Amino acid sequence: MKLYLQFGWGMKKLVLDLAKTWEKVNVILSPRDITPKQLQNWSGEFEKANVSCLFDPQCYYPKSDHRILSQYSYWNNLMSKNLSLELNNVNSLITNIKEYNDIIGTEKFIVPGIIRKFDEEWFSKWERESKKLVSVSRNIVGRKKTLLTLALSFGVLNQSDELIEKIVLSCEKLDVDGYYIIAEPIEGKYLSDEPLWLSNLLQLCAGLKLLDKEVVVGYANQQLLCLSTAKVDAIASGTYLNVRKFSNKFEKSDTKIKRKSVWYYYPESLSEYKISFLDVAFNNRVLEEMKPGDDYNNEYVNLIFSGIMPQSTNFKESLAFKHYLECLRAQAASCSRESFENTISANEILLTTAERRIEILEKAGVYAQTRSFKDVVDVNRSAIQRLEKTRGFLMKYSWDEL
C-alpha cells in the first residue's frame, strides 16, 4: 500500500522537499487550497520534481461559496443541479474539470461526487448520479484512467452491511478503473472509536478490490493502515488534521490554520505526543524508548533525541509533519505483505505493539491525550476480524491478482 500526499494549505514546499528524497511523490491536489493561477504556475515545478498529480474537484458540498473554490470555472451556484439533472450541464462540468487536469498533467481523472446525509433515498440518488457522471466522463476523457469519487457520510458508513453490498454490486456495473473514497468520520473525532464505521469502510474497500478495481482512500491517518488487509492501493494523508480526516472545510472561506501544539508521532505506539510530554519522558528517563526503530528512523527527529529537553530544541511543525509522513509511508509499505494471511499478521503485530508501548509510557507518566491510539486498538481489531470472516476466503485466494 502506497502513501499519497493529500494536499492542504501551505503544503507546496513540503511536497517538493519530500520529492527530493522519495523515489516518487503522488499528490492529490486541492482546489480549495490552490488558486487556478497557482495551479498553472506550479505545474512545471511539480513535473520537474517528478511529482505525479491527481486533481480532486472537491464537489462534496455543491452549494459551497468558498472564495478559492469559486474561482474555478466548473464551480457555480448551479453545481447541485449540474451534478444531478441536465446532461448538458454534466457535460459542461466534466469538460471544465478536464481542463484543470490537462493543466497539471494528471495520469488519472477523478470523477466528482457529492457527500449526502443518509436517508431512504440516498442509494437511488447516488446510483443515478454515479451512472451519469461516469458515462459522461468516459466520453470526455477517453482512454485516461478514471477514479469515481465515493463520498460517504458517517451515516452511510454506519448502516448495515446490506447497504455496503448494494454499493459494491452497483459499482461492478460502472465503467471506471477505480474509486477514490472519502469517508467522513463522526464529527470531532481524529481517530474513530466507531467499530461499525471502520468495519464497513474496510468491507467496501475489499469488495471493490475483488472487482479488480484500483482503490485510493483520501484524508487518512494511521488508523487506516488496516486498509492494507483489503489490499488498498494507496491512502492519502498530509500535514494538519483537516487533511488527515475528512471534514466540511469547504463552506468556510478562512484558509488560515490555527497553530497550536507541535506533535511528535511515535510510530510504534501509533500515537502522537505533545512536546511537553516528551519533556516528561526526558525527565523520567524513557525518551530514548520513544525513538523510532530503524524502519522508521529519519533525520527529522534528531533534535528530539539530541540529549537535551525537547522543549529547548528547535523542533518545529515542519519537521513534525515530515517525520509523520515518512513514518506513515514506511508503515503503509510494511503492513502490506505477500499474502493475505501475512498482511493480517503484520497488522495484528502493529496493534499489539502499539497497545504495549502506550501502556509502558503511561506508567511513566507520558500520555498522548486526544491522539492516543489506546481506545481504538480494539476498533481496528474488530474490523480486521470481520474482514477475515466475511471475505477472508476470497481475499486469500485472489491476493496475487488484486
Protein backbone atom coordinates (compact mmCIF):
# COMPACT_ATOMS: atom_id res chain seq x y z
CA MET A 1 0.00 0.00 0.00
CA LYS A 2 1.38 3.39 -1.03
CA LEU A 3 1.12 6.74 0.68
CA TYR A 4 -0.11 9.67 -1.41
CA LEU A 5 0.08 13.23 -0.15
CA GLN A 6 -3.29 14.87 0.49
CA PHE A 7 -2.60 18.46 -0.45
CA GLY A 8 -3.61 21.12 2.05
CA TRP A 9 -2.95 24.75 2.81
CA GLY A 10 0.76 25.65 2.59
CA MET A 11 1.94 22.18 1.52
CA LYS A 12 3.74 23.06 -1.71
CA LYS A 13 7.22 23.31 -0.16
CA LEU A 14 6.72 20.10 1.79
CA VAL A 15 5.73 18.24 -1.39
CA LEU A 16 8.81 19.48 -3.23
CA ASP A 17 11.07 18.73 -0.24
CA LEU A 18 9.83 15.15 0.06
CA ALA A 19 10.19 14.71 -3.70
CA LYS A 20 13.96 15.12 -3.23
CA THR A 21 14.18 12.01 -1.06
CA TRP A 22 11.21 9.87 -2.10
CA GLU A 23 11.55 7.88 -5.28
CA LYS A 24 8.23 9.27 -6.48
CA VAL A 25 5.67 11.53 -4.88
CA ASN A 26 1.97 11.20 -5.66
CA VAL A 27 -0.14 14.15 -4.57
CA ILE A 28 -3.89 14.73 -4.66
CA LEU A 29 -4.32 18.43 -5.33
CA SER A 30 -6.98 20.51 -3.60
CA PRO A 31 -8.64 23.41 -5.47
CA ARG A 32 -9.74 24.69 -2.08
CA ASP A 33 -6.08 25.37 -1.30
CA ILE A 34 -4.69 26.30 -4.75
CA THR A 35 -5.95 29.08 -6.99
CA PRO A 36 -6.27 28.38 -10.72
CA LYS A 37 -3.31 30.71 -11.31
CA GLN A 38 -1.16 28.80 -8.80
CA LEU A 39 -2.19 25.53 -10.42
CA GLN A 40 -0.91 26.85 -13.74
CA ASN A 41 2.30 28.26 -12.27
CA TRP A 42 3.15 25.20 -10.16
CA SER A 43 2.52 22.57 -12.81
CA GLY A 44 6.02 22.90 -14.25
CA GLU A 45 7.65 22.72 -10.82
CA PHE A 46 5.78 19.55 -9.94
CA GLU A 47 6.65 17.93 -13.25
CA LYS A 48 10.33 18.83 -12.89
CA ALA A 49 10.40 17.36 -9.36
CA ASN A 50 8.82 14.08 -10.56
CA VAL A 51 5.62 14.77 -8.63
CA SER A 52 2.64 12.89 -10.06
CA CYS A 53 -0.60 14.81 -9.52
CA LEU A 54 -4.26 13.95 -9.25
CA PHE A 55 -6.87 16.71 -9.25
CA ASP A 56 -9.73 16.31 -6.77
CA PRO A 57 -12.52 18.68 -7.93
CA GLN A 58 -13.95 18.64 -4.38
CA CYS A 59 -17.62 18.85 -5.33
CA TYR A 60 -18.63 17.38 -1.97
CA TYR A 61 -20.80 20.33 -0.97
CA PRO A 62 -22.19 21.84 -4.21
CA LYS A 63 -23.72 24.87 -2.51
CA SER A 64 -20.39 25.97 -1.08
CA ASP A 65 -19.27 29.52 -1.82
CA HIS A 66 -15.68 29.08 -0.70
CA ARG A 67 -13.69 32.00 -2.10
CA ILE A 68 -10.96 29.90 -3.76
CA LEU A 69 -13.14 27.04 -4.98
CA SER A 70 -15.44 29.62 -6.57
CA GLN A 71 -12.58 30.81 -8.79
CA TYR A 72 -12.66 27.58 -10.80
CA SER A 73 -14.70 27.61 -14.00
CA TYR A 74 -16.67 24.46 -13.13
CA TRP A 75 -17.89 25.95 -9.86
CA ASN A 76 -21.14 27.94 -9.83
CA ASN A 77 -24.42 28.27 -7.98
CA LEU A 78 -25.98 25.55 -10.13
CA MET A 79 -23.45 22.92 -9.08
CA SER A 80 -26.03 20.75 -7.33
CA LYS A 81 -28.27 20.76 -10.42
CA ASN A 82 -25.31 20.24 -12.74
CA LEU A 83 -24.41 17.05 -10.94
CA SER A 84 -27.87 15.56 -10.86
CA LEU A 85 -30.08 16.83 -13.68
CA GLU A 86 -29.45 18.01 -17.25
CA LEU A 87 -26.99 16.03 -19.35
CA ASN A 88 -25.67 19.21 -20.99
CA ASN A 89 -24.78 20.59 -17.58
CA VAL A 90 -22.91 17.42 -16.66
CA ASN A 91 -21.02 17.61 -19.95
CA SER A 92 -20.00 21.19 -19.19
CA LEU A 93 -18.96 20.29 -15.64
CA ILE A 94 -16.71 17.40 -16.67
CA THR A 95 -15.26 19.33 -19.63
CA ASN A 96 -14.24 22.19 -17.34
CA ILE A 97 -12.75 19.83 -14.74
CA LYS A 98 -10.79 18.11 -17.51
CA GLU A 99 -9.17 21.43 -18.44
CA TYR A 100 -7.58 21.65 -15.00
CA ASN A 101 -6.49 18.01 -15.22
CA ASP A 102 -4.79 18.88 -18.51
CA ILE A 103 -3.03 21.88 -16.98
CA ILE A 104 -1.46 19.81 -14.22
CA GLY A 105 -0.87 16.78 -16.45
CA THR A 106 -2.76 14.16 -14.46
CA GLU A 107 -2.40 10.50 -15.37
CA LYS A 108 -5.85 9.67 -13.95
CA PHE A 109 -9.12 11.58 -13.85
CA ILE A 110 -11.07 11.86 -10.60
CA VAL A 111 -14.80 11.90 -11.33
CA PRO A 112 -16.57 14.16 -8.77
CA GLY A 113 -19.09 13.06 -6.18
CA ILE A 114 -21.43 14.68 -3.63
CA ILE A 115 -21.49 13.80 0.06
CA ARG A 116 -25.03 13.47 1.46
CA LYS A 117 -26.57 12.57 4.76
CA PHE A 118 -28.12 9.13 4.76
CA ASP A 119 -31.85 8.78 4.16
CA GLU A 120 -34.12 6.29 2.38
CA GLU A 121 -33.40 7.90 -0.98
CA TRP A 122 -29.64 8.03 -0.60
CA PHE A 123 -28.79 4.92 -2.61
CA SER A 124 -31.05 5.71 -5.58
CA LYS A 125 -29.69 9.27 -5.79
CA TRP A 126 -26.10 8.09 -5.56
CA GLU A 127 -26.56 5.35 -8.14
CA ARG A 128 -28.34 7.63 -10.62
CA GLU A 129 -25.73 10.39 -10.35
CA SER A 130 -22.81 7.96 -10.50
CA LYS A 131 -24.02 6.37 -13.72
CA LYS A 132 -24.45 9.75 -15.40
CA LEU A 133 -21.11 11.15 -14.21
CA VAL A 134 -19.20 8.01 -15.19
CA SER A 135 -20.80 7.83 -18.64
CA VAL A 136 -20.08 11.48 -19.43
CA SER A 137 -16.54 11.30 -18.02
CA ARG A 138 -15.71 8.25 -20.09
CA ASN A 139 -16.84 10.04 -23.25
CA ILE A 140 -14.90 13.20 -22.47
CA VAL A 141 -11.61 11.92 -21.01
CA GLY A 142 -11.28 8.99 -23.42
CA ARG A 143 -8.68 6.39 -22.54
CA LYS A 144 -7.33 8.12 -19.44
CA LYS A 145 -7.92 6.07 -16.32
CA THR A 146 -10.87 7.23 -14.25
CA LEU A 147 -11.46 7.07 -10.50
CA LEU A 148 -15.02 7.68 -9.33
CA THR A 149 -15.32 9.59 -6.06
CA LEU A 150 -17.27 7.68 -3.43
CA ALA A 151 -18.00 10.44 -0.92
CA LEU A 152 -19.62 8.69 2.02
CA SER A 153 -21.05 10.44 5.05
CA PHE A 154 -20.74 8.98 8.52
CA GLY A 155 -24.40 7.99 8.39
CA VAL A 156 -23.87 5.92 5.23
CA LEU A 157 -20.90 4.04 6.69
CA ASN A 158 -22.76 3.40 9.93
CA GLN A 159 -25.52 1.36 8.25
CA SER A 160 -25.87 -2.41 7.98
CA ASP A 161 -23.62 -4.38 5.66
CA GLU A 162 -26.55 -4.79 3.26
CA LEU A 163 -26.03 -1.21 2.06
CA ILE A 164 -22.30 -1.81 1.59
CA GLU A 165 -23.04 -4.85 -0.55
CA LYS A 166 -25.54 -2.86 -2.65
CA ILE A 167 -22.90 -0.23 -3.29
CA VAL A 168 -20.36 -2.86 -4.32
CA LEU A 169 -22.84 -4.58 -6.66
CA SER A 170 -23.69 -1.26 -8.28
CA CYS A 171 -20.01 -0.37 -8.66
CA GLU A 172 -19.45 -3.59 -10.56
CA LYS A 173 -21.56 -2.18 -13.40
CA LEU A 174 -19.78 1.18 -13.66
CA ASP A 175 -17.20 1.73 -16.40
CA VAL A 176 -14.37 3.10 -14.27
CA ASP A 177 -10.86 1.92 -13.45
CA GLY A 178 -11.11 2.56 -9.76
CA TYR A 179 -12.50 4.53 -6.84
CA TYR A 180 -11.38 7.48 -4.78
CA ILE A 181 -13.03 7.00 -1.40
CA ILE A 182 -13.79 9.84 1.00
CA ALA A 183 -15.05 8.53 4.35
CA GLU A 184 -16.49 11.08 6.75
CA PRO A 185 -15.83 10.07 10.38
CA ILE A 186 -18.02 11.06 13.30
CA GLU A 187 -17.71 14.79 13.91
CA GLY A 188 -14.94 15.89 16.23
CA LYS A 189 -13.01 12.62 16.20
CA TYR A 190 -9.46 12.34 14.84
CA LEU A 191 -9.20 8.60 15.49
CA SER A 192 -12.58 6.90 15.13
CA ASP A 193 -13.92 4.84 18.03
CA GLU A 194 -16.88 3.67 15.91
CA PRO A 195 -16.24 -0.02 15.05
CA LEU A 196 -19.06 -0.28 12.50
CA TRP A 197 -17.80 2.76 10.58
CA LEU A 198 -14.30 1.33 10.19
CA SER A 199 -15.53 -2.20 9.53
CA ASN A 200 -17.86 -1.05 6.74
CA LEU A 201 -15.10 1.03 5.19
CA LEU A 202 -12.81 -2.00 5.19
CA GLN A 203 -15.58 -4.20 3.75
CA LEU A 204 -16.26 -1.68 0.99
CA CYS A 205 -12.59 -1.42 0.02
CA ALA A 206 -12.20 -5.20 -0.06
CA GLY A 207 -15.34 -5.59 -2.15
CA LEU A 208 -14.07 -3.07 -4.69
CA LYS A 209 -10.63 -4.68 -4.85
CA LEU A 210 -12.27 -8.04 -5.53
CA LEU A 211 -13.85 -6.37 -8.57
CA ASP A 212 -10.28 -5.78 -9.76
CA LYS A 213 -10.54 -2.01 -9.24
CA GLU A 214 -7.93 0.46 -8.06
CA VAL A 215 -8.80 1.92 -4.65
CA VAL A 216 -7.37 5.13 -3.20
CA VAL A 217 -8.65 6.34 0.18
CA GLY A 218 -8.27 10.04 0.90
CA TYR A 219 -7.99 12.04 4.12
CA ALA A 220 -6.31 9.20 6.02
CA ASN A 221 -4.25 8.85 9.17
CA GLN A 222 -2.51 5.96 10.93
CA GLN A 223 -5.80 4.28 11.84
CA LEU A 224 -6.38 3.45 8.17
CA LEU A 225 -3.19 1.42 7.90
CA CYS A 226 -5.56 -1.51 8.43
CA LEU A 227 -6.82 -0.96 4.88
CA SER A 228 -3.72 -2.83 3.77
CA THR A 229 -5.64 -6.02 4.70
CA ALA A 230 -8.05 -5.16 1.86
CA LYS A 231 -5.05 -4.58 -0.43
CA VAL A 232 -5.99 -0.95 -0.94
CA ASP A 233 -3.62 0.64 -3.45
CA ALA A 234 -2.99 3.86 -1.56
CA ILE A 235 -4.06 6.04 1.33
CA ALA A 236 -3.55 9.80 1.23
CA SER A 237 -2.54 11.97 4.16
CA GLY A 238 -1.00 15.36 4.86
CA THR A 239 0.03 17.88 7.47
CA TYR A 240 -2.79 19.35 9.57
CA LEU A 241 -5.75 17.35 10.83
CA ASN A 242 -8.08 18.67 8.11
CA VAL A 243 -6.18 16.56 5.56
CA ARG A 244 -5.84 13.53 7.86
CA LYS A 245 -9.57 13.16 8.41
CA PHE A 246 -12.41 14.37 6.24
CA SER A 247 -14.49 17.29 7.48
CA ASN A 248 -16.51 20.06 5.90
CA LYS A 249 -13.85 22.70 5.36
CA PHE A 250 -15.36 23.77 2.04
CA GLU A 251 -18.03 26.16 3.27
CA LYS A 252 -15.61 28.36 5.16
CA SER A 253 -13.64 30.99 3.31
CA ASP A 254 -10.98 31.29 6.00
CA THR A 255 -7.94 29.29 4.87
CA LYS A 256 -5.78 30.16 7.85
CA ILE A 257 -4.58 27.32 10.06
CA LYS A 258 -4.75 27.73 13.81
CA ARG A 259 -1.33 26.69 15.00
CA LYS A 260 -1.34 25.09 18.39
CA SER A 261 0.92 22.42 19.87
CA VAL A 262 3.61 20.59 17.93
CA TRP A 263 3.01 16.83 18.00
CA TYR A 264 5.58 14.05 17.68
CA TYR A 265 4.43 10.80 16.08
CA TYR A 266 5.81 7.70 17.80
CA PRO A 267 5.11 5.07 15.13
CA GLU A 268 5.44 2.00 17.34
CA SER A 269 2.59 3.33 19.51
CA LEU A 270 0.51 4.66 16.58
CA SER A 271 0.08 7.73 18.78
CA GLU A 272 1.19 11.35 18.78
CA TYR A 273 2.62 13.24 21.74
CA LYS A 274 2.93 16.91 22.57
CA ILE A 275 6.45 18.18 23.11
CA SER A 276 5.55 18.95 26.74
CA PHE A 277 5.02 15.23 27.36
CA LEU A 278 8.33 14.46 25.66
CA ASP A 279 9.88 16.62 28.36
CA VAL A 280 8.20 14.35 30.91
CA ALA A 281 9.67 11.34 29.10
CA PHE A 282 13.08 13.01 29.17
CA ASN A 283 12.91 13.61 32.93
CA ASN A 284 11.64 10.09 33.58
CA ARG A 285 14.46 8.57 31.50
CA VAL A 286 12.16 6.95 28.91
CA LEU A 287 12.58 9.36 26.00
CA GLU A 288 15.12 7.13 24.25
CA GLU A 289 12.50 4.37 24.24
CA MET A 290 10.35 6.64 22.06
CA LYS A 291 12.97 6.89 19.35
CA PRO A 292 11.67 5.32 16.13
CA GLY A 293 13.05 1.94 15.20
CA ASP A 294 15.37 1.51 12.25
CA ASP A 295 12.44 1.07 9.84
CA TYR A 296 11.04 4.50 10.71
CA ASN A 297 14.09 6.49 11.79
CA ASN A 298 14.78 9.72 9.92
CA GLU A 299 16.76 12.90 10.31
CA TYR A 300 13.69 15.00 11.06
CA VAL A 301 13.56 13.94 14.71
CA ASN A 302 17.27 14.13 15.53
CA LEU A 303 16.72 17.27 17.60
CA ILE A 304 14.31 15.50 19.94
CA PHE A 305 16.87 12.82 20.76
CA SER A 306 19.90 15.14 20.95
CA GLY A 307 20.29 14.73 24.71
CA ILE A 308 18.55 17.88 25.93
CA MET A 309 14.98 18.74 26.87
CA PRO A 310 12.86 18.50 23.68
CA GLN A 311 11.16 21.80 24.53
CA SER A 312 14.56 23.50 24.36
CA THR A 313 15.19 22.38 20.80
CA ASN A 314 14.11 23.92 17.52
CA PHE A 315 11.79 21.04 16.63
CA LYS A 316 9.05 22.74 14.61
CA GLU A 317 5.83 21.84 12.84
CA SER A 318 7.56 21.37 9.50
CA LEU A 319 9.87 18.71 10.94
CA ALA A 320 6.99 17.03 12.78
CA PHE A 321 4.93 16.85 9.57
CA LYS A 322 7.78 15.40 7.50
CA HIS A 323 8.53 12.84 10.21
CA TYR A 324 4.86 11.83 10.42
CA LEU A 325 4.57 11.33 6.67
CA GLU A 326 7.89 9.47 6.41
CA CYS A 327 6.73 7.08 9.13
CA LEU A 328 3.25 6.62 7.68
CA ARG A 329 4.76 5.88 4.27
CA ALA A 330 7.07 3.24 5.77
CA GLN A 331 4.23 1.72 7.81
CA ALA A 332 1.90 1.57 4.80
CA ALA A 333 4.56 -0.37 2.92
CA SER A 334 5.48 -2.68 5.80
CA CYS A 335 1.85 -3.56 6.59
CA SER A 336 1.39 -4.86 3.05
CA ARG A 337 2.78 -8.37 2.68
CA GLU A 338 2.97 -11.06 0.02
CA SER A 339 -0.15 -12.85 1.22
CA PHE A 340 -3.46 -12.07 2.91
CA GLU A 341 -2.50 -14.12 5.96
CA ASN A 342 0.83 -12.37 6.39
CA THR A 343 -0.76 -8.95 5.95
CA ILE A 344 -3.28 -9.80 8.67
CA SER A 345 -0.41 -10.91 10.93
CA ALA A 346 1.56 -7.72 10.26
CA ASN A 347 -1.44 -5.61 11.25
CA GLU A 348 -2.05 -7.66 14.39
CA ILE A 349 1.58 -7.20 15.43
CA LEU A 350 1.28 -3.46 14.77
CA LEU A 351 -1.76 -3.21 17.06
CA THR A 352 -0.32 -5.39 19.83
CA THR A 353 2.94 -3.43 19.81
CA ALA A 354 1.06 -0.13 19.98
CA GLU A 355 -1.02 -1.36 22.91
CA ARG A 356 2.08 -2.38 24.86
CA ARG A 357 4.07 0.77 24.09
CA ILE A 358 1.18 3.02 25.15
CA GLU A 359 0.84 1.10 28.42
CA ILE A 360 4.55 1.35 29.19
CA LEU A 361 4.65 5.08 28.50
CA GLU A 362 1.54 5.79 30.55
CA LYS A 363 3.12 4.03 33.52
CA ALA A 364 5.98 6.50 33.13
CA GLY A 365 3.55 9.43 33.07
CA VAL A 366 3.72 10.01 29.30
CA TYR A 367 0.29 10.42 27.70
CA ALA A 368 -0.82 11.04 24.12
CA GLN A 369 -4.14 12.54 25.23
CA THR A 370 -6.52 13.18 22.29
CA ARG A 371 -4.18 11.48 19.81
CA SER A 372 -3.73 8.25 21.71
CA PHE A 373 -4.42 5.01 19.87
CA LYS A 374 -5.33 3.30 23.14
CA ASP A 375 -9.11 3.45 22.73
CA VAL A 376 -9.18 2.46 19.05
CA VAL A 377 -6.93 -0.61 19.08
CA ASP A 378 -9.95 -2.86 19.53
CA VAL A 379 -11.88 -0.94 16.86
CA ASN A 380 -9.21 -1.87 14.32
CA ARG A 381 -9.01 -5.44 15.61
CA SER A 382 -12.77 -5.83 15.25
CA ALA A 383 -12.75 -4.53 11.66
CA ILE A 384 -9.93 -6.87 10.64
CA GLN A 385 -11.59 -9.87 12.28
CA ARG A 386 -14.83 -9.18 10.46
CA LEU A 387 -12.98 -8.91 7.16
CA GLU A 388 -11.39 -12.31 7.76
CA LYS A 389 -14.81 -13.82 8.46
CA THR A 390 -16.72 -12.29 5.54
CA ARG A 391 -14.19 -12.02 2.73
CA GLY A 392 -11.17 -13.90 4.04
CA PHE A 393 -11.52 -16.87 1.71
CA LEU A 394 -11.77 -14.74 -1.44
CA MET A 395 -9.02 -12.38 -0.34
CA LYS A 396 -6.70 -15.27 0.42
CA TYR A 397 -7.07 -16.93 -2.96
CA SER A 398 -7.26 -13.74 -5.02
CA TRP A 399 -4.44 -11.84 -3.30
CA ASP A 400 -1.85 -12.13 -6.06
CA GLU A 401 -4.31 -10.88 -8.68
CA LEU A 402 -5.69 -7.93 -6.70
